[in-house]
Protein backbone atom coordinates (compact mmCIF):
# COMPACT_ATOMS: atom_id res chain seq x y z
CA MET A 1 -21.24 87.17 13.71
CA ASP A 2 -22.02 85.57 17.13
CA TYR A 3 -23.07 88.80 18.75
CA VAL A 4 -23.73 87.32 22.19
CA ASP A 5 -20.26 86.02 22.46
CA THR A 6 -18.19 88.65 20.76
CA LEU A 7 -20.04 91.97 21.44
CA PRO A 8 -20.94 93.46 24.82
CA VAL A 9 -24.59 93.37 25.84
CA ALA A 10 -24.24 95.59 28.86
CA GLU A 11 -25.20 99.25 28.64
CA GLU A 12 -22.73 101.05 26.25
CA SER A 13 -23.02 104.81 25.63
CA ALA A 14 -22.40 106.43 22.22
CA ALA A 15 -19.87 109.08 23.12
CA GLY A 16 -21.23 112.64 23.16
CA ARG A 17 -24.66 111.66 21.81
CA PHE A 18 -27.93 112.26 23.67
CA ILE A 19 -31.60 111.76 23.17
CA VAL A 20 -33.84 114.75 24.15
CA LEU A 21 -37.64 114.56 24.42
CA PHE A 22 -39.97 117.53 24.99
CA LYS A 23 -43.03 117.60 27.30
CA ASN A 24 -45.36 119.21 24.68
CA LYS A 25 -46.83 116.26 22.79
CA GLU A 26 -48.44 118.57 20.27
CA MET A 27 -45.26 120.59 19.42
CA SER A 28 -45.03 121.52 15.78
CA ALA A 29 -41.93 120.85 13.68
CA GLY A 30 -41.35 124.68 13.68
CA GLY A 31 -41.70 124.83 17.44
CA MET A 32 -39.25 122.11 17.82
CA GLU A 33 -36.76 123.89 15.48
CA ALA A 34 -37.15 127.09 17.49
CA THR A 35 -36.55 125.33 20.80
CA MET A 36 -33.44 123.61 19.42
CA LYS A 37 -32.15 126.95 18.03
CA LYS A 38 -32.59 128.52 21.49
CA PHE A 39 -30.09 126.06 22.82
CA GLY A 40 -27.73 126.42 19.87
CA VAL A 41 -28.53 122.88 18.72
CA ARG A 42 -28.01 122.63 14.96
CA ASN A 43 -26.25 119.38 14.21
CA THR A 44 -28.92 116.86 15.05
CA GLN A 45 -29.02 113.66 13.01
CA LEU A 46 -32.55 112.60 13.99
CA GLN A 47 -35.80 114.29 14.91
CA PHE A 48 -38.78 112.33 16.24
CA THR A 49 -42.36 113.10 15.28
CA SER A 50 -44.63 110.77 17.18
CA ILE A 51 -42.61 111.42 20.30
CA LYS A 52 -41.39 115.01 20.13
CA GLY A 53 -37.63 115.25 20.31
CA PHE A 54 -34.23 114.76 18.69
CA ALA A 55 -30.97 113.04 18.99
CA GLY A 56 -27.46 114.28 18.27
CA LYS A 57 -24.03 115.26 19.65
CA LEU A 58 -24.34 117.77 22.54
CA SER A 59 -21.78 119.64 24.63
CA ASP A 60 -21.86 119.22 28.41
CA ALA A 61 -23.13 122.82 28.83
CA THR A 62 -26.06 122.19 26.42
CA VAL A 63 -26.95 118.96 28.17
CA LEU A 64 -27.06 120.73 31.49
CA ALA A 65 -29.17 123.53 30.08
CA LEU A 66 -31.63 121.14 28.50
CA ARG A 67 -31.95 119.16 31.72
CA ASN A 68 -32.84 122.38 33.55
CA ASP A 69 -35.37 123.58 31.00
CA PRO A 70 -39.02 123.14 32.18
CA ASP A 71 -40.15 122.27 28.61
CA VAL A 72 -37.79 119.26 28.36
CA ALA A 73 -39.13 115.92 29.59
CA LEU A 74 -35.83 113.95 29.50
CA VAL A 75 -32.24 114.01 28.33
CA GLU A 76 -30.54 110.58 28.23
CA PRO A 77 -27.31 109.22 26.69
CA ASP A 78 -27.70 107.51 23.42
CA ARG A 79 -26.60 103.91 23.55
CA VAL A 80 -25.58 100.98 21.43
CA VAL A 81 -28.06 98.14 20.86
CA TYR A 82 -27.44 94.71 19.29
CA ALA A 83 -29.23 91.97 17.41
CA PHE A 84 -29.85 88.93 19.62
CA SER A 85 -28.56 85.96 17.60
CA HIS A 86 -26.21 82.99 17.73
CA THR A 87 -24.62 81.57 14.55
CA SER A 88 -24.77 77.93 13.59
CA PRO A 89 -24.10 75.69 10.63
CA PRO A 90 -27.01 75.08 8.18
CA GLN A 91 -29.71 72.48 8.63
CA THR A 92 -32.46 71.55 6.22
CA LEU A 93 -35.90 72.22 7.63
CA PRO A 94 -37.54 75.18 9.54
CA THR A 95 -38.80 72.92 12.38
CA GLY A 96 -40.03 75.99 14.39
CA ILE A 97 -42.97 76.41 11.99
CA ASP A 98 -43.97 72.79 12.68
CA ARG A 99 -43.47 73.13 16.39
CA ILE A 100 -45.93 75.94 16.74
CA ASP A 101 -48.47 74.22 14.41
CA ALA A 102 -48.45 76.91 11.79
CA ASP A 103 -48.83 74.18 9.26
CA VAL A 104 -52.42 73.51 10.50
CA SER A 105 -53.45 77.17 10.95
CA PRO A 106 -56.49 77.84 8.85
CA THR A 107 -55.37 81.42 8.23
CA ALA A 108 -51.74 80.52 7.31
CA MET A 109 -53.10 77.90 4.83
CA ILE A 110 -49.63 76.37 4.33
CA ASN A 111 -50.19 74.17 1.22
CA GLY A 112 -47.59 75.15 -1.33
CA VAL A 113 -49.75 77.80 -2.88
CA ASP A 114 -48.75 81.44 -2.64
CA GLU A 115 -51.95 82.71 -0.95
CA ARG A 116 -50.64 85.56 1.20
CA VAL A 117 -51.80 86.50 4.69
CA ASN A 118 -53.32 90.02 4.70
CA ALA A 119 -51.16 91.67 7.33
CA ASP A 120 -48.32 94.12 7.66
CA ILE A 121 -45.27 93.34 9.81
CA ALA A 122 -42.58 95.87 10.53
CA ILE A 123 -39.09 94.28 11.07
CA ILE A 124 -37.07 96.73 13.06
CA ASP A 125 -33.57 95.28 12.48
CA THR A 126 -30.64 95.23 10.15
CA GLY A 127 -32.95 95.72 7.12
CA VAL A 128 -34.51 93.09 4.89
CA GLN A 129 -33.35 92.08 1.41
CA LYS A 130 -36.06 93.53 -0.78
CA SER A 131 -35.32 91.26 -3.87
CA HIS A 132 -35.31 88.03 -1.92
CA PRO A 133 -37.62 85.67 -3.86
CA ASP A 134 -39.12 84.15 -0.72
CA LEU A 135 -40.16 87.47 0.82
CA ASN A 136 -42.94 90.04 0.20
CA VAL A 137 -41.01 93.19 1.08
CA PHE A 138 -43.50 96.13 0.77
CA LYS A 139 -41.31 99.05 1.90
CA GLN A 140 -37.79 99.83 3.02
CA VAL A 141 -36.70 102.68 5.22
CA ARG A 142 -33.31 103.43 6.89
CA PHE A 143 -32.23 105.19 10.08
CA THR A 144 -28.58 104.08 10.10
CA ARG A 145 -25.43 105.92 8.74
CA GLU A 146 -25.13 103.26 6.08
CA LEU A 147 -26.22 104.46 2.66
CA SER A 148 -28.00 101.25 1.67
CA SER A 149 -31.50 100.46 2.98
CA ASP A 150 -30.94 96.80 2.25
CA ASP A 151 -29.69 94.16 4.56
CA ARG A 152 -25.89 93.95 4.69
CA ASN A 153 -25.93 91.63 7.67
CA GLY A 154 -28.48 88.83 7.12
CA HIS A 155 -30.20 88.95 10.59
CA GLY A 156 -33.16 91.11 9.56
CA THR A 157 -33.78 88.98 6.47
CA HIS A 158 -33.70 85.85 8.60
CA VAL A 159 -36.17 87.34 11.06
CA ALA A 160 -38.49 88.34 8.25
CA GLY A 161 -38.56 84.91 6.77
CA THR A 162 -39.54 83.19 10.00
CA ALA A 163 -42.36 85.68 10.38
CA ALA A 164 -43.62 85.69 6.78
CA ALA A 165 -41.71 83.78 4.14
CA LYS A 166 -43.96 82.94 1.17
CA ASP A 167 -45.70 79.59 0.87
CA ASN A 168 -44.42 79.18 -2.79
CA THR A 169 -42.64 75.71 -2.67
CA VAL A 170 -39.33 77.59 -2.66
CA GLY A 171 -36.89 77.73 0.27
CA VAL A 172 -38.84 77.95 3.60
CA VAL A 173 -42.22 79.10 4.73
CA GLY A 174 -43.04 81.63 7.50
CA VAL A 175 -45.71 81.69 10.20
CA ALA A 176 -47.84 84.23 8.36
CA PRO A 177 -46.87 83.35 4.69
CA GLY A 178 -46.52 86.35 2.33
CA ALA A 179 -47.53 88.94 4.83
CA ARG A 180 -46.31 92.39 3.78
CA ILE A 181 -42.92 93.22 5.29
CA TRP A 182 -41.94 96.74 6.20
CA SER A 183 -38.14 96.79 6.51
CA VAL A 184 -37.13 99.37 9.12
CA LYS A 185 -33.32 99.41 9.16
CA VAL A 186 -31.90 100.58 12.52
CA LEU A 187 -28.82 98.28 12.84
CA ASP A 188 -25.79 98.22 10.61
CA ARG A 189 -23.89 95.44 8.85
CA ASN A 190 -22.27 94.46 12.11
CA GLY A 191 -25.62 93.98 13.74
CA SER A 192 -25.36 96.96 16.09
CA GLY A 193 -26.67 100.50 16.00
CA LEU A 194 -27.59 103.47 18.12
CA LEU A 195 -30.59 103.60 20.49
CA SER A 196 -31.67 106.78 18.88
CA ASP A 197 -31.88 104.98 15.52
CA VAL A 198 -34.09 102.34 17.14
CA VAL A 199 -36.29 105.05 18.62
CA ALA A 200 -36.60 106.62 15.25
CA GLY A 201 -37.60 103.27 13.70
CA ILE A 202 -40.37 102.79 16.32
CA ASP A 203 -41.41 106.39 15.73
CA TYR A 204 -41.71 105.62 11.97
CA VAL A 205 -43.90 102.54 12.78
CA THR A 206 -46.18 104.67 14.91
CA ALA A 207 -46.50 107.17 12.11
CA ASN A 208 -47.62 104.38 9.86
CA ALA A 209 -49.77 102.58 12.40
CA ALA A 210 -52.84 102.85 10.11
CA SER A 211 -51.13 100.18 8.00
CA ILE A 212 -48.76 98.30 10.22
CA GLU A 213 -50.34 95.74 12.57
CA VAL A 214 -47.17 94.13 14.13
CA ALA A 215 -43.65 95.26 14.82
CA ASN A 216 -40.87 92.79 15.63
CA MET A 217 -37.72 93.84 17.54
CA SER A 218 -35.11 91.13 17.76
CA LEU A 219 -32.63 93.44 19.42
CA GLY A 220 -31.91 95.29 22.59
CA CYS A 221 -29.47 96.16 25.35
CA GLU A 222 -29.07 95.59 29.04
CA CYS A 223 -30.11 99.15 29.82
CA VAL A 224 -33.08 101.42 30.78
CA SER A 225 -34.30 103.84 28.19
CA ALA A 226 -37.15 106.19 28.91
CA ALA A 227 -37.04 107.29 25.23
CA MET A 228 -37.48 103.73 23.92
CA ASP A 229 -40.19 103.04 26.55
CA LEU A 230 -42.18 106.13 25.45
CA ALA A 231 -41.73 105.28 21.80
CA ILE A 232 -43.07 101.70 22.35
CA SER A 233 -45.98 103.05 24.46
CA ARG A 234 -46.95 105.40 21.69
CA ALA A 235 -46.78 102.55 19.08
CA VAL A 236 -48.98 100.36 21.25
CA ALA A 237 -51.43 103.17 21.89
CA ALA A 238 -51.75 103.56 18.08
CA GLY A 239 -52.61 99.89 17.81
CA VAL A 240 -49.36 98.23 16.90
CA THR A 241 -48.64 94.88 18.51
CA VAL A 242 -44.88 94.98 19.53
CA VAL A 243 -43.13 91.65 19.77
CA VAL A 244 -39.57 91.52 21.11
CA ALA A 245 -36.78 89.03 21.84
CA ALA A 246 -36.10 88.29 25.51
CA GLY A 247 -32.29 88.46 24.99
CA ASN A 248 -29.45 85.98 24.91
CA SER A 249 -27.57 86.57 28.13
CA ALA A 250 -29.03 83.75 30.28
CA LYS A 251 -30.18 86.53 32.70
CA ASP A 252 -33.41 87.95 34.03
CA ALA A 253 -34.96 89.81 31.14
CA ALA A 254 -36.14 92.48 33.58
CA THR A 255 -32.92 94.41 33.07
CA PHE A 256 -33.12 94.35 29.31
CA SER A 257 -34.85 96.87 27.03
CA PRO A 258 -37.18 96.57 25.21
CA ALA A 259 -38.05 93.11 26.76
CA ASN A 260 -38.91 94.78 30.08
CA HIS A 261 -41.55 97.06 28.60
CA PRO A 262 -44.99 96.08 30.11
CA ASP A 263 -46.89 96.37 26.86
CA VAL A 264 -44.65 94.17 24.56
CA LEU A 265 -44.91 90.55 23.98
CA ALA A 266 -41.51 89.23 25.20
CA VAL A 267 -40.42 85.92 23.83
CA SER A 268 -37.92 83.40 25.25
CA ALA A 269 -36.31 80.55 23.20
CA ILE A 270 -36.61 76.82 23.34
CA ALA A 271 -34.69 74.07 21.44
CA ASP A 272 -36.76 71.86 19.15
CA PHE A 273 -35.04 69.65 16.58
CA ASN A 274 -37.90 67.80 14.92
CA GLY A 275 -40.92 70.14 15.02
CA LEU A 276 -42.70 67.90 17.48
CA PRO A 277 -43.24 68.05 21.24
CA GLY A 278 -42.17 65.29 23.56
CA GLY A 279 -38.40 65.47 23.46
CA GLY A 280 -35.99 62.83 22.37
CA ALA A 281 -34.96 64.13 18.98
CA PRO A 282 -31.17 64.26 18.26
CA ALA A 283 -29.58 67.67 18.32
CA THR A 284 -28.64 69.19 14.95
CA CYS A 285 -26.63 72.39 14.91
CA ARG A 286 -26.09 72.71 18.69
CA SER A 287 -25.77 70.22 21.57
CA ASP A 288 -28.96 71.28 23.23
CA VAL A 289 -31.61 68.87 24.64
CA ASP A 290 -34.69 68.60 22.43
CA ASP A 291 -37.71 70.46 23.87
CA SER A 292 -35.70 72.26 26.55
CA PHE A 293 -35.21 75.97 27.52
CA ALA A 294 -32.42 77.32 25.35
CA ASN A 295 -29.30 77.73 27.65
CA PHE A 296 -28.63 81.22 26.26
CA SER A 297 -32.18 82.59 26.58
CA ASN A 298 -33.18 85.29 29.01
CA PHE A 299 -35.99 84.43 31.42
CA GLY A 300 -38.13 85.92 34.23
CA ALA A 301 -41.44 87.44 35.00
CA VAL A 302 -41.39 89.82 32.04
CA VAL A 303 -41.29 86.95 29.57
CA ASP A 304 -44.70 86.20 28.10
CA ILE A 305 -44.29 83.22 25.82
CA ALA A 306 -41.74 80.79 24.45
CA ALA A 307 -40.98 79.84 20.83
CA PRO A 308 -38.41 77.85 18.95
CA GLY A 309 -35.07 79.71 18.73
CA VAL A 310 -32.40 77.00 18.24
CA CYS A 311 -31.29 75.95 14.83
CA ILE A 312 -33.86 77.90 12.89
CA ARG A 313 -33.62 77.88 9.06
CA SER A 314 -34.82 80.89 7.33
CA THR A 315 -34.12 83.43 4.55
CA TRP A 316 -30.76 85.22 4.39
CA LYS A 317 -29.12 88.00 2.54
CA GLY A 318 -27.96 87.34 -1.05
CA SER A 319 -31.27 85.52 -1.82
CA SER A 320 -30.00 82.54 0.23
CA TYR A 321 -30.95 80.66 3.39
CA ALA A 322 -29.16 80.09 6.74
CA THR A 323 -29.65 78.38 10.10
CA ILE A 324 -28.96 80.39 13.25
CA SER A 325 -30.11 80.48 16.88
CA GLY A 326 -31.17 83.09 19.37
CA THR A 327 -34.19 84.67 20.96
CA SER A 328 -34.05 86.79 17.79
CA MET A 329 -35.26 83.67 15.98
CA ALA A 330 -37.94 82.90 18.56
CA SER A 331 -39.53 86.42 18.44
CA PRO A 332 -40.61 86.38 14.82
CA HIS A 333 -42.53 83.21 15.27
CA ALA A 334 -44.73 85.21 17.70
CA ALA A 335 -44.86 88.22 15.46
CA GLY A 336 -46.12 86.04 12.68
CA ALA A 337 -48.65 84.48 15.11
CA ALA A 338 -49.86 88.01 15.97
CA ALA A 339 -50.33 88.71 12.24
CA LEU A 340 -52.38 85.59 11.86
CA TYR A 341 -54.65 86.46 14.74
CA ILE A 342 -55.12 90.06 13.59
CA ALA A 343 -55.77 88.96 9.99
CA VAL A 344 -58.97 87.15 11.37
CA SER A 345 -59.97 89.24 14.31
CA GLY A 346 -59.21 92.73 12.99
CA LYS A 347 -56.54 95.38 13.64
CA PRO A 348 -56.33 96.87 17.15
CA THR A 349 -56.72 100.68 17.32
CA ASP A 350 -55.49 101.23 20.84
CA ALA A 351 -53.56 99.74 23.68
CA ALA A 352 -56.50 97.73 24.92
CA GLY A 353 -56.81 96.03 21.57
CA VAL A 354 -53.12 95.22 21.46
CA ALA A 355 -53.49 93.73 25.00
CA ALA A 356 -56.20 91.56 23.64
CA VAL A 357 -53.91 90.26 21.01
CA ARG A 358 -51.08 89.49 23.48
CA ASN A 359 -53.54 87.78 25.78
CA ALA A 360 -54.98 85.67 23.00
CA LEU A 361 -51.46 84.47 21.98
CA ILE A 362 -50.62 83.54 25.57
CA ALA A 363 -53.96 81.80 26.18
CA ALA A 364 -53.61 79.70 23.01
CA GLY A 365 -50.12 78.53 24.02
CA SER A 366 -49.24 75.05 25.08
CA VAL A 367 -48.87 74.70 28.90
CA GLN A 368 -45.23 74.42 29.74
CA SER A 369 -45.69 71.43 32.06
CA GLY A 370 -48.01 69.58 29.60
CA SER A 371 -47.37 67.28 26.63
CA GLY A 372 -46.73 70.21 24.35
CA GLY A 373 -44.32 71.99 26.79
CA PHE A 374 -40.71 71.92 27.55
CA VAL A 375 -38.19 71.39 30.36
CA GLY A 376 -35.40 73.42 31.91
CA ASP A 377 -37.05 76.83 32.45
CA PRO A 378 -34.74 78.32 35.16
CA ASP A 379 -37.53 80.32 36.91
CA VAL A 380 -40.93 79.85 38.46
CA PHE A 381 -42.79 81.80 35.72
CA ALA A 382 -43.96 79.11 33.39
CA GLU A 383 -44.58 80.82 30.14
CA PRO A 384 -46.50 78.68 27.56
CA VAL A 385 -45.17 77.60 24.18
CA LEU A 386 -46.50 79.49 21.22
CA ASN A 387 -49.21 77.56 19.29
CA VAL A 388 -51.19 78.96 16.36
CA LYS A 389 -53.31 76.00 15.25
CA SER A 390 -56.51 77.75 16.36
CA PHE A 391 -55.78 81.09 14.47
């Protein structure tokens, strides 16, 4: 299940499938159906509501006609996206929670008592196990071909635990303990899925933005997608803070979507083996250097903040626990941090409010070159290390 090593990250099209978006932002469902009928489009698998459009298999002639229609904003190939994770043998402690000082956050209140953070986090991923005893899963929805809304992979459940595992003396504890998890399944049991499914998942979050404060996306592809960009922009405009993994290809994240979107909080990964700054701790599940930039992590100007992403222990499918690595594991640390901040400061209602949340997390971070920082960043853009002790 080491997706970075065994699955392609470069742009990969889903044969014959396309995403179509209309220019009219106020188009009704009936109007969309009528327009689709005009082009003979009947076998669509997805329709988008917050962004007006659909996805499905289309003939070459239909694609050409749609691209020439003045009412159509874009027609782009559907693509395959992947979860950003590395697998590793188990370890015993979730050191990432210690490293970002979640244990001293007055809002997290990590003390062994199940006092839950009043926030809602959408995990756009492989699903989240609803019955896991260490998670507060509020809702499950599915946009994949799989019949089950539950997690058949483990990745999404792991991400959810880092963000919000309960503080109940069982298993592990997350950054925002007990926050309500909205499981938005867009990837299958293999950790991959269609771009259109991801767009539909973001669209769902936007439709429920009155309740959802934060969305985590530990996934992506080395691609450019106007459809995904627009879906994220709509979510942010509705007041949802979108946190994403930078990617695991050791490349500039500027070529990866959604990390390259200007309104997301893009998160790189560092190795930390004892929950403390300063380096020197022996490696556990991988041969990385303590308090160093993870050798698989993407980097660059689009990255906003760094968080632990190596040998992270968290919840797993089957009501169990596992230790894995990746920027997928770094991102939910920041998603949980955003939930903590919003629980105190209030939910944003627009893009300006979301920008304030992003800026607050960046400003509260530990300076990379300081005592709480890390070494080995391959670029000149010194993103800080996430720290939530003041939230």
